[in-house]
């Protein structure tokens, strides 16, 4: 996609079209990774180093053109890798001139793919790791990653520090040093997958609970958990470690913080801590919220082989009527529900529900994709039909296109059958 002028321009045009359609602020490009690394099947070539810059410049140009027409300043950012290899494989000084800021992914330094326990996102290098088998611990820490970007020509005011809203773990770790930097077995527990723990899950079930004791590494400035009974070790971040990292942001004049990801903090603990520590007060100077004009919470409540029943929530300002557009057709109603008939079996339709007001202007809600059932009704599956706007978590099953799928982890909007071997949806079998 980044290798030719034609494909770069095609991507840039489609990105601009997308953000205009759905009202986004801009584009964040997360290429994992140019030149080397990433998943085994990735395309990679030495020219990626230059093509990454060309791709971003193409998107920047298209965003600026759209911004002039729309009266907006559209943002362009990237998510960058934290390793020295990523710095070597990218022209970060040129990228920094193009983008609004760089979100450095300062986490996943260590994890269950290793047989030695380490920290997910240590702020500083811990000399105690020097004689372990951990990979380049002198580089795999936040301070080193930030310094690498700064030395590569990224200005402080364009560098955003990544914060993890999750932890990583191992099982059967040797008991010395409370399991820290010890030989371990692969993880057998997790929130969505073994070895990955949402912070809210840790907060509710692990931190000083159920045999897990919290400890603190005062060199790396991160907490960790150890269960002496089963040898489970979990590395994570909390409000205390975030305080050291937000102080680091301020002392180094960085642009701020970002986090991965909000679904891991259901209790709002970490998000609140970040806002407080960085002095973020979103209510100051904001204009009063305008009344909602578009329908929201659009859902398919019943799906057969030939019909789809849609429901939605009315906007705060009452419309004169609603219109439902799909497959070059349109239906209208004054109610917040409608049944669309005469559809084709096992066919994916995109429905757009709009509210029309007295001034004649229509305000569209979020598009909803729905796939009708097979003519046999998919009797072999008792799972609900997949809905693009629904949130699914690990273990949830859905039927789609006559097949049964199971989610491996949290997902929304990713269509079953399109995510591949490494994707979120696992194919269970045919529904018939």
Protein backbone atom coordinates (compact mmCIF):
# COMPACT_ATOMS: atom_id res chain seq x y z
CA UNK A 1 0.00 0.00 0.00
CA UNK A 2 2.91 2.38 0.65
CA UNK A 3 5.14 1.12 -2.16
CA UNK A 4 3.84 3.18 -5.11
CA UNK A 5 2.54 6.66 -5.77
CA UNK A 6 -0.76 5.22 -6.96
CA UNK A 7 -1.42 3.08 -3.88
CA UNK A 8 -0.31 5.82 -1.47
CA UNK A 9 -2.70 8.28 -3.12
CA UNK A 10 -5.50 5.73 -3.09
CA UNK A 11 -5.06 5.21 0.65
CA UNK A 12 -4.87 8.94 1.34
CA UNK A 13 -8.06 9.62 -0.63
CA UNK A 14 -9.97 6.84 1.12
CA UNK A 15 -8.74 8.00 4.54
CA UNK A 16 -9.95 11.55 3.89
CA UNK A 17 -13.27 10.25 2.60
CA UNK A 18 -13.70 8.17 5.74
CA UNK A 19 -12.96 10.90 8.27
CA UNK A 20 -15.23 13.34 6.44
CA UNK A 21 -18.07 10.81 6.37
CA UNK A 22 -17.89 9.97 10.06
CA UNK A 23 -16.71 13.31 11.48
CA UNK A 24 -13.27 12.30 12.75
CA UNK A 25 -10.52 14.75 13.70
CA UNK A 26 -7.82 13.14 11.59
CA UNK A 27 -5.77 10.02 10.84
CA UNK A 28 -3.37 8.02 13.00
CA UNK A 29 -1.12 5.66 11.03
CA UNK A 30 0.16 2.61 12.92
CA UNK A 31 2.55 0.73 10.62
CA UNK A 32 3.96 -2.29 12.46
CA UNK A 33 6.63 -2.18 11.11
CA UNK A 34 8.53 -0.62 8.19
CA UNK A 35 11.54 -2.60 6.88
CA UNK A 36 11.43 -5.39 9.50
CA UNK A 37 9.33 -6.87 12.27
CA UNK A 38 5.60 -7.31 12.71
CA UNK A 39 3.54 -10.41 11.96
CA UNK A 40 5.17 -13.25 9.99
CA UNK A 41 3.14 -12.72 6.81
CA UNK A 42 3.76 -8.99 6.54
CA UNK A 43 5.15 -7.45 3.37
CA UNK A 44 8.42 -5.67 4.08
CA UNK A 45 11.24 -4.18 2.03
CA UNK A 46 14.20 -1.81 2.55
CA UNK A 47 12.30 0.88 0.62
CA UNK A 48 9.76 1.06 3.48
CA UNK A 49 12.02 3.58 5.20
CA UNK A 50 11.51 6.12 2.44
CA UNK A 51 7.99 5.00 1.54
CA UNK A 52 6.77 5.63 5.10
CA UNK A 53 7.69 9.29 4.69
CA UNK A 54 6.11 9.47 1.23
CA UNK A 55 2.92 7.85 2.50
CA UNK A 56 2.57 10.30 5.36
CA UNK A 57 3.29 13.28 3.09
CA UNK A 58 0.57 12.09 0.69
CA UNK A 59 -1.95 11.81 3.54
CA UNK A 60 -0.85 15.18 4.91
CA UNK A 61 -1.39 16.86 1.53
CA UNK A 62 -4.85 15.34 1.12
CA UNK A 63 -5.83 16.29 4.67
CA UNK A 64 -4.69 19.88 4.11
CA UNK A 65 -6.72 20.09 0.90
CA UNK A 66 -9.80 18.78 2.69
CA UNK A 67 -9.18 21.07 5.64
CA UNK A 68 -9.16 24.16 3.44
CA UNK A 69 -12.46 23.12 1.91
CA UNK A 70 -14.04 22.17 5.25
CA UNK A 71 -12.61 24.99 7.36
CA UNK A 72 -10.86 22.53 9.68
CA UNK A 73 -7.32 21.60 10.69
CA UNK A 74 -7.24 17.83 10.27
CA UNK A 75 -4.66 15.97 12.36
CA UNK A 76 -2.09 13.44 11.15
CA UNK A 77 -0.24 11.36 13.75
CA UNK A 78 1.59 8.05 13.90
CA UNK A 79 2.05 5.31 16.48
CA UNK A 80 5.77 4.60 16.63
CA UNK A 81 7.74 1.63 17.92
CA UNK A 82 9.92 2.06 20.99
CA UNK A 83 12.90 -0.07 19.96
CA UNK A 84 16.24 1.12 18.53
CA UNK A 85 15.45 -0.99 15.46
CA UNK A 86 12.34 1.08 14.76
CA UNK A 87 14.36 4.29 15.02
CA UNK A 88 16.94 2.87 12.62
CA UNK A 89 14.28 1.80 10.10
CA UNK A 90 12.49 5.16 9.97
CA UNK A 91 13.38 8.75 9.12
CA UNK A 92 11.83 10.13 12.29
CA UNK A 93 13.20 13.63 11.77
CA UNK A 94 11.42 13.88 8.40
CA UNK A 95 8.28 12.23 9.75
CA UNK A 96 8.19 14.72 12.63
CA UNK A 97 8.06 17.60 10.14
CA UNK A 98 4.95 16.11 8.51
CA UNK A 99 2.83 14.89 11.42
CA UNK A 100 1.22 16.78 14.29
CA UNK A 101 2.69 14.41 16.86
CA UNK A 102 4.17 10.92 17.34
CA UNK A 103 2.53 8.48 19.77
CA UNK A 104 5.39 6.30 20.96
CA UNK A 105 4.21 2.84 22.06
CA UNK A 106 6.23 2.59 25.26
CA UNK A 107 4.86 -0.75 26.41
CA UNK A 108 5.12 -4.45 25.49
CA UNK A 109 8.83 -4.36 26.29
CA UNK A 110 8.43 -7.83 27.83
CA UNK A 111 5.69 -10.45 27.82
CA UNK A 112 4.62 -14.08 27.87
CA UNK A 113 6.43 -14.83 24.58
CA UNK A 114 9.62 -14.91 26.71
CA UNK A 115 10.52 -17.49 29.36
CA UNK A 116 11.94 -14.84 31.74
CA UNK A 117 9.60 -12.47 33.59
CA UNK A 118 10.17 -8.77 33.00
CA UNK A 119 8.23 -5.53 33.09
CA UNK A 120 5.70 -4.47 30.51
CA UNK A 121 6.60 -0.77 30.62
CA UNK A 122 9.53 0.03 32.96
CA UNK A 123 10.25 3.74 33.14
CA UNK A 124 13.99 3.31 33.78
CA UNK A 125 16.62 0.66 33.16
CA UNK A 126 17.09 -1.70 36.09
CA UNK A 127 20.71 -2.93 36.39
CA UNK A 128 19.34 -6.11 38.02
CA UNK A 129 18.31 -7.23 34.53
CA UNK A 130 21.89 -7.15 33.21
CA UNK A 131 22.59 -10.82 33.98
CA UNK A 132 19.21 -12.14 32.89
CA UNK A 133 18.08 -13.42 29.50
CA UNK A 134 15.76 -10.46 28.95
CA UNK A 135 16.31 -8.90 25.49
CA UNK A 136 18.37 -5.67 25.55
CA UNK A 137 16.87 -4.36 28.84
CA UNK A 138 19.14 -1.31 28.61
CA UNK A 139 17.05 -0.24 25.59
CA UNK A 140 13.64 -1.72 26.49
CA UNK A 141 12.50 0.97 28.89
CA UNK A 142 10.60 4.24 28.53
CA UNK A 143 13.55 6.58 29.15
CA UNK A 144 15.69 4.89 26.51
CA UNK A 145 12.86 4.84 23.97
CA UNK A 146 12.14 8.54 24.41
CA UNK A 147 15.83 9.42 24.22
CA UNK A 148 16.13 7.43 21.00
CA UNK A 149 13.33 9.45 19.39
CA UNK A 150 14.74 12.75 20.60
CA UNK A 151 18.22 11.88 19.31
CA UNK A 152 16.63 10.95 15.96
CA UNK A 153 15.30 14.49 15.58
CA UNK A 154 11.79 14.36 17.04
CA UNK A 155 11.06 17.62 18.92
CA UNK A 156 9.85 17.23 22.51
CA UNK A 157 6.59 19.04 21.76
CA UNK A 158 5.70 16.43 19.12
CA UNK A 159 6.35 13.34 21.24
CA UNK A 160 3.46 11.69 23.13
CA UNK A 161 4.21 9.00 25.72
CA UNK A 162 2.23 5.73 25.60
CA UNK A 163 0.68 4.41 28.83
CA UNK A 164 -0.60 0.83 29.22
CA UNK A 165 -4.05 0.22 30.68
CA UNK A 166 -3.18 -3.49 31.02
CA UNK A 167 -0.60 -5.85 32.45
CA UNK A 168 1.27 -8.93 31.24
CA UNK A 169 1.95 -12.15 33.10
CA UNK A 170 3.64 -15.54 33.37
CA UNK A 171 2.95 -18.74 35.33
CA UNK A 172 5.08 -21.03 37.51
CA UNK A 173 7.81 -18.43 38.00
CA UNK A 174 10.70 -19.28 40.32
CA UNK A 175 10.02 -17.82 43.75
CA UNK A 176 13.23 -15.82 44.14
CA UNK A 177 12.76 -12.03 44.21
CA UNK A 178 8.96 -12.51 44.24
CA UNK A 179 9.09 -13.95 40.72
CA UNK A 180 10.73 -10.87 39.20
CA UNK A 181 13.32 -11.58 36.46
CA UNK A 182 12.90 -15.33 36.99
CA UNK A 183 12.43 -18.31 34.67
CA UNK A 184 8.73 -18.95 34.11
CA UNK A 185 6.26 -21.06 32.17
CA UNK A 186 3.86 -19.59 29.57
CA UNK A 187 0.90 -17.73 31.11
CA UNK A 188 -2.24 -19.69 31.96
CA UNK A 189 -4.47 -16.78 33.02
CA UNK A 190 -5.66 -13.51 31.50
CA UNK A 191 -8.62 -11.25 30.89
CA UNK A 192 -9.14 -11.76 27.14
CA UNK A 193 -6.21 -14.05 26.39
CA UNK A 194 -3.62 -15.76 28.54
CA UNK A 195 -0.95 -13.35 29.70
CA UNK A 196 -2.87 -10.10 29.15
CA UNK A 197 -4.79 -8.50 32.02
CA UNK A 198 -7.03 -5.43 31.86
CA UNK A 199 -6.21 -3.05 34.70
CA UNK A 200 -9.83 -3.11 35.88
CA UNK A 201 -9.60 -6.91 36.09
CA UNK A 202 -6.40 -6.62 38.14
CA UNK A 203 -8.06 -4.00 40.32
CA UNK A 204 -11.13 -6.15 40.94
CA UNK A 205 -9.58 -9.61 41.31
CA UNK A 206 -5.78 -9.58 41.67
CA UNK A 207 -4.16 -6.60 43.42
CA UNK A 208 -3.68 -7.80 47.02
CA UNK A 209 -6.48 -10.32 46.44
CA UNK A 210 -6.80 -14.08 45.90
CA UNK A 211 -3.23 -14.83 46.90
CA UNK A 212 -1.63 -12.04 44.84
CA UNK A 213 0.64 -9.57 46.65
CA UNK A 214 1.60 -6.18 45.20
CA UNK A 215 5.30 -5.29 45.13
CA UNK A 216 7.16 -2.21 43.87
CA UNK A 217 10.37 -1.90 41.85
CA UNK A 218 11.83 1.42 42.94
CA UNK A 219 14.42 1.46 40.15
CA UNK A 220 12.14 0.77 37.20
CA UNK A 221 9.31 2.66 38.99
CA UNK A 222 6.60 0.08 38.28
CA UNK A 223 4.51 -2.28 40.42
CA UNK A 224 4.10 -6.02 40.00
CA UNK A 225 2.11 -8.88 41.49
CA UNK A 226 3.28 -12.30 42.66
CA UNK A 227 1.29 -15.29 43.85
CA UNK A 228 3.55 -17.55 45.90
CA UNK A 229 1.08 -20.44 45.66
CA UNK A 230 0.95 -20.83 41.87
CA UNK A 231 4.02 -18.78 40.89
CA UNK A 232 2.04 -16.32 38.75
CA UNK A 233 3.84 -13.03 38.09
CA UNK A 234 2.03 -9.99 36.63
CA UNK A 235 3.66 -6.72 35.55
CA UNK A 236 1.42 -3.67 35.16
CA UNK A 237 1.04 0.08 35.74
CA UNK A 238 -1.10 1.90 38.29
CA UNK A 239 -1.66 5.41 39.65
CA UNK A 240 1.72 5.41 41.43
CA UNK A 241 3.76 4.43 38.36
CA UNK A 242 1.73 6.86 36.25
CA UNK A 243 2.77 9.66 38.62
CA UNK A 244 6.44 8.99 37.83
CA UNK A 245 5.67 8.85 34.11
CA UNK A 246 3.64 12.07 34.08
CA UNK A 247 6.45 13.77 36.00
CA UNK A 248 8.79 12.43 33.31
CA UNK A 249 6.53 13.94 30.62
CA UNK A 250 6.62 17.32 32.32
CA UNK A 251 10.35 17.36 33.05
CA UNK A 252 11.17 16.45 29.45
CA UNK A 253 8.63 18.90 27.98
CA UNK A 254 6.83 16.15 26.04
CA UNK A 255 3.47 16.78 24.38
CA UNK A 256 1.45 14.57 26.72
CA UNK A 257 0.29 10.99 27.04
CA UNK A 258 -1.84 8.51 25.14
CA UNK A 259 -2.97 5.10 26.32
CA UNK A 260 -3.83 1.61 25.10
CA UNK A 261 -6.61 1.08 25.59
CA UNK A 262 -9.67 2.64 27.21
CA UNK A 263 -11.57 -0.67 27.44
CA UNK A 264 -9.01 -1.92 29.97
CA UNK A 265 -10.00 0.71 32.53
CA UNK A 266 -13.72 0.10 33.11
CA UNK A 267 -13.51 1.66 36.57
CA UNK A 268 -11.94 4.85 35.21
CA UNK A 269 -9.09 4.69 37.73
CA UNK A 270 -6.16 5.20 35.35
CA UNK A 271 -7.90 7.70 33.09
CA UNK A 272 -8.81 9.81 36.11
CA UNK A 273 -5.24 9.57 37.42
CA UNK A 274 -3.78 10.72 34.09
CA UNK A 275 -6.20 13.62 33.84
CA UNK A 276 -5.43 14.76 37.39
CA UNK A 277 -1.67 14.33 37.10
CA UNK A 278 -1.43 16.20 33.79
CA UNK A 279 -3.79 18.96 34.91
CA UNK A 280 -6.32 18.13 32.21
CA UNK A 281 -9.57 20.04 32.80
CA UNK A 282 -11.78 19.43 29.75
CA UNK A 283 -14.67 21.52 31.00
CA UNK A 284 -12.79 24.81 31.07
CA UNK A 285 -13.68 27.10 28.21
CA UNK A 286 -15.90 24.61 26.42
CA UNK A 287 -19.03 25.79 24.71
CA UNK A 288 -22.35 24.36 25.97
CA UNK A 289 -23.17 21.09 24.26
CA UNK A 290 -25.44 21.53 21.27
CA UNK A 291 -28.61 19.42 21.01
CA UNK A 292 -28.21 16.10 19.22
CA UNK A 293 -29.74 16.10 15.73
CA UNK A 294 -28.86 12.58 14.55
CA UNK A 295 -30.29 9.23 15.70
CA UNK A 296 -28.01 7.17 17.94
CA UNK A 297 -27.66 3.60 19.23
CA UNK A 298 -28.82 2.11 15.91
CA UNK A 299 -29.29 -1.67 16.28
CA UNK A 300 -30.71 -4.65 14.41
CA UNK A 301 -33.04 -6.28 16.94
CA UNK A 302 -34.34 -9.07 14.69
CA UNK A 303 -32.82 -10.60 11.55
CA UNK A 304 -34.28 -13.29 9.28
CA UNK A 305 -33.34 -14.44 5.80
CA UNK A 306 -35.45 -11.69 4.17
CA UNK A 307 -36.12 -9.06 6.88
CA UNK A 308 -34.20 -6.81 9.26
CA UNK A 309 -35.84 -4.91 12.10
CA UNK A 310 -33.97 -1.76 13.12
CA UNK A 311 -34.36 0.36 16.24
CA UNK A 312 -32.63 3.56 17.32
CA UNK A 313 -32.66 6.30 19.90
CA UNK A 314 -34.28 9.60 18.96
CA UNK A 315 -32.12 12.77 18.94
CA UNK A 316 -32.74 15.38 21.62
CA UNK A 317 -34.35 17.67 19.03
CA UNK A 318 -37.48 15.98 17.66
CA UNK A 319 -37.31 15.34 13.87
CA UNK A 320 -40.21 15.46 11.42
CA UNK A 321 -39.39 11.96 10.16
CA UNK A 322 -36.66 9.34 9.79
CA UNK A 323 -35.31 7.88 6.56
CA UNK A 324 -33.52 4.55 6.24
CA UNK A 325 -31.23 4.21 3.21
CA UNK A 326 -29.90 0.85 2.02
CA UNK A 327 -28.97 -0.82 -1.27
CA UNK A 328 -29.97 2.28 -3.32
CA UNK A 329 -33.39 2.23 -1.66
CA UNK A 330 -35.03 4.33 1.04
CA UNK A 331 -37.85 3.88 3.58
CA UNK A 332 -39.32 6.58 5.83
CA UNK A 333 -41.06 6.44 9.20
CA UNK A 334 -42.03 8.67 12.10
CA UNK A 335 -41.21 5.96 14.64
CA UNK A 336 -37.88 4.83 16.10
CA UNK A 337 -38.19 1.34 14.64
CA UNK A 338 -38.78 -0.10 11.21
CA UNK A 339 -38.79 -3.54 9.55
CA UNK A 340 -37.10 -3.71 6.15
CA UNK A 341 -38.54 -6.50 4.01
CA UNK A 342 -37.87 -8.23 0.65
CA UNK A 343 -34.14 -8.64 1.35
CA UNK A 344 -31.91 -11.37 -0.06
CA UNK A 345 -30.69 -14.25 2.17
CA UNK A 346 -27.05 -14.32 3.31
CA UNK A 347 -26.49 -10.79 2.04
CA UNK A 348 -24.74 -7.95 3.86
CA UNK A 349 -26.62 -4.64 3.81
CA UNK A 350 -25.47 -1.25 5.04
CA UNK A 351 -28.26 0.77 6.68
CA UNK A 352 -28.00 4.52 7.27
CA UNK A 353 -30.71 6.02 9.48
CA UNK A 354 -31.14 9.80 9.17
CA UNK A 355 -33.29 12.25 11.09
CA UNK A 356 -34.95 14.94 8.95
CA UNK A 357 -35.79 18.19 10.72
CA UNK A 358 -38.09 21.12 9.96
CA UNK A 359 -35.43 22.91 7.94
CA UNK A 360 -35.31 19.93 5.57
CA UNK A 361 -31.74 19.00 6.53
CA UNK A 362 -30.99 15.36 7.27
CA UNK A 363 -28.57 14.28 10.00
CA UNK A 364 -27.26 10.74 9.57
CA UNK A 365 -26.42 8.36 12.39
CA UNK A 366 -23.61 5.80 12.30
CA UNK A 367 -23.94 3.29 9.46
CA UNK A 368 -24.91 -0.25 10.50
CA UNK A 369 -23.96 -3.40 8.58
CA UNK A 370 -26.28 -6.40 8.91
CA UNK A 371 -26.07 -9.80 7.20
CA UNK A 372 -29.34 -11.64 6.61
CA UNK A 373 -29.59 -15.30 7.58
CA UNK A 374 -29.61 -18.23 5.21
CA UNK A 375 -32.91 -19.49 3.88
CA UNK A 376 -32.72 -22.38 6.33
CA UNK A 377 -32.46 -19.83 9.12
CA UNK A 378 -29.05 -20.99 10.27
CA UNK A 379 -30.70 -23.64 12.43
CA UNK A 380 -27.33 -25.19 13.21
CA UNK A 381 -26.32 -22.06 15.14
CA UNK A 382 -27.92 -20.75 18.29
CA UNK A 383 -25.47 -17.84 18.49
CA UNK A 384 -26.77 -14.34 17.67
CA UNK A 385 -26.06 -12.77 14.30
CA UNK A 386 -22.93 -10.60 14.21
CA UNK A 387 -23.62 -6.85 14.38
CA UNK A 388 -20.97 -4.35 13.34
CA UNK A 389 -21.74 -1.91 16.17
CA UNK A 390 -21.85 -4.49 18.96
CA UNK A 391 -18.94 -5.05 21.36
CA UNK A 392 -17.75 -8.65 21.73
CA UNK A 393 -15.30 -10.07 24.24
CA UNK A 394 -13.22 -13.26 24.34
CA UNK A 395 -15.41 -16.38 24.09
CA UNK A 396 -18.44 -14.64 22.56
CA UNK A 397 -19.89 -16.57 19.62
CA UNK A 398 -21.75 -15.15 16.62
CA UNK A 399 -23.10 -16.44 13.33
CA UNK A 400 -22.28 -14.63 10.11
CA UNK A 401 -22.68 -15.70 6.50
CA UNK A 402 -23.89 -19.15 7.54
CA UNK A 403 -20.84 -19.82 9.73
CA UNK A 404 -20.16 -19.84 13.46
CA UNK A 405 -17.30 -17.72 14.84
CA UNK A 406 -15.81 -17.16 18.29
CA UNK A 407 -14.05 -13.97 19.44
CA UNK A 408 -10.54 -14.43 20.81
CA UNK A 409 -10.51 -11.04 22.55
CA UNK A 410 -12.34 -7.69 22.68
CA UNK A 411 -13.56 -6.45 19.32
CA UNK A 412 -16.10 -4.25 17.60
CA UNK A 413 -16.66 -3.59 13.91
CA UNK A 414 -14.33 -6.36 12.69
CA UNK A 415 -16.32 -8.60 10.34
CA UNK A 416 -16.00 -12.35 10.93
CA UNK A 417 -14.38 -14.14 8.02
CA UNK A 418 -12.19 -11.14 7.13
CA UNK A 419 -9.66 -11.01 9.99
CA UNK A 420 -7.50 -13.99 8.98
CA UNK A 421 -5.55 -16.53 11.03
CA UNK A 422 -4.03 -13.88 13.32
CA UNK A 423 -7.24 -11.87 13.69
CA UNK A 424 -9.84 -11.70 16.40
CA UNK A 425 -12.41 -14.16 14.94
CA UNK A 426 -11.85 -17.91 15.10
CA UNK A 427 -13.94 -19.98 12.65
CA UNK A 428 -15.78 -22.75 14.49
CA UNK A 429 -17.63 -24.24 11.51
CA UNK A 430 -20.73 -24.12 9.33
CA UNK A 431 -24.08 -23.36 10.92
CA UNK A 432 -25.95 -25.99 8.88
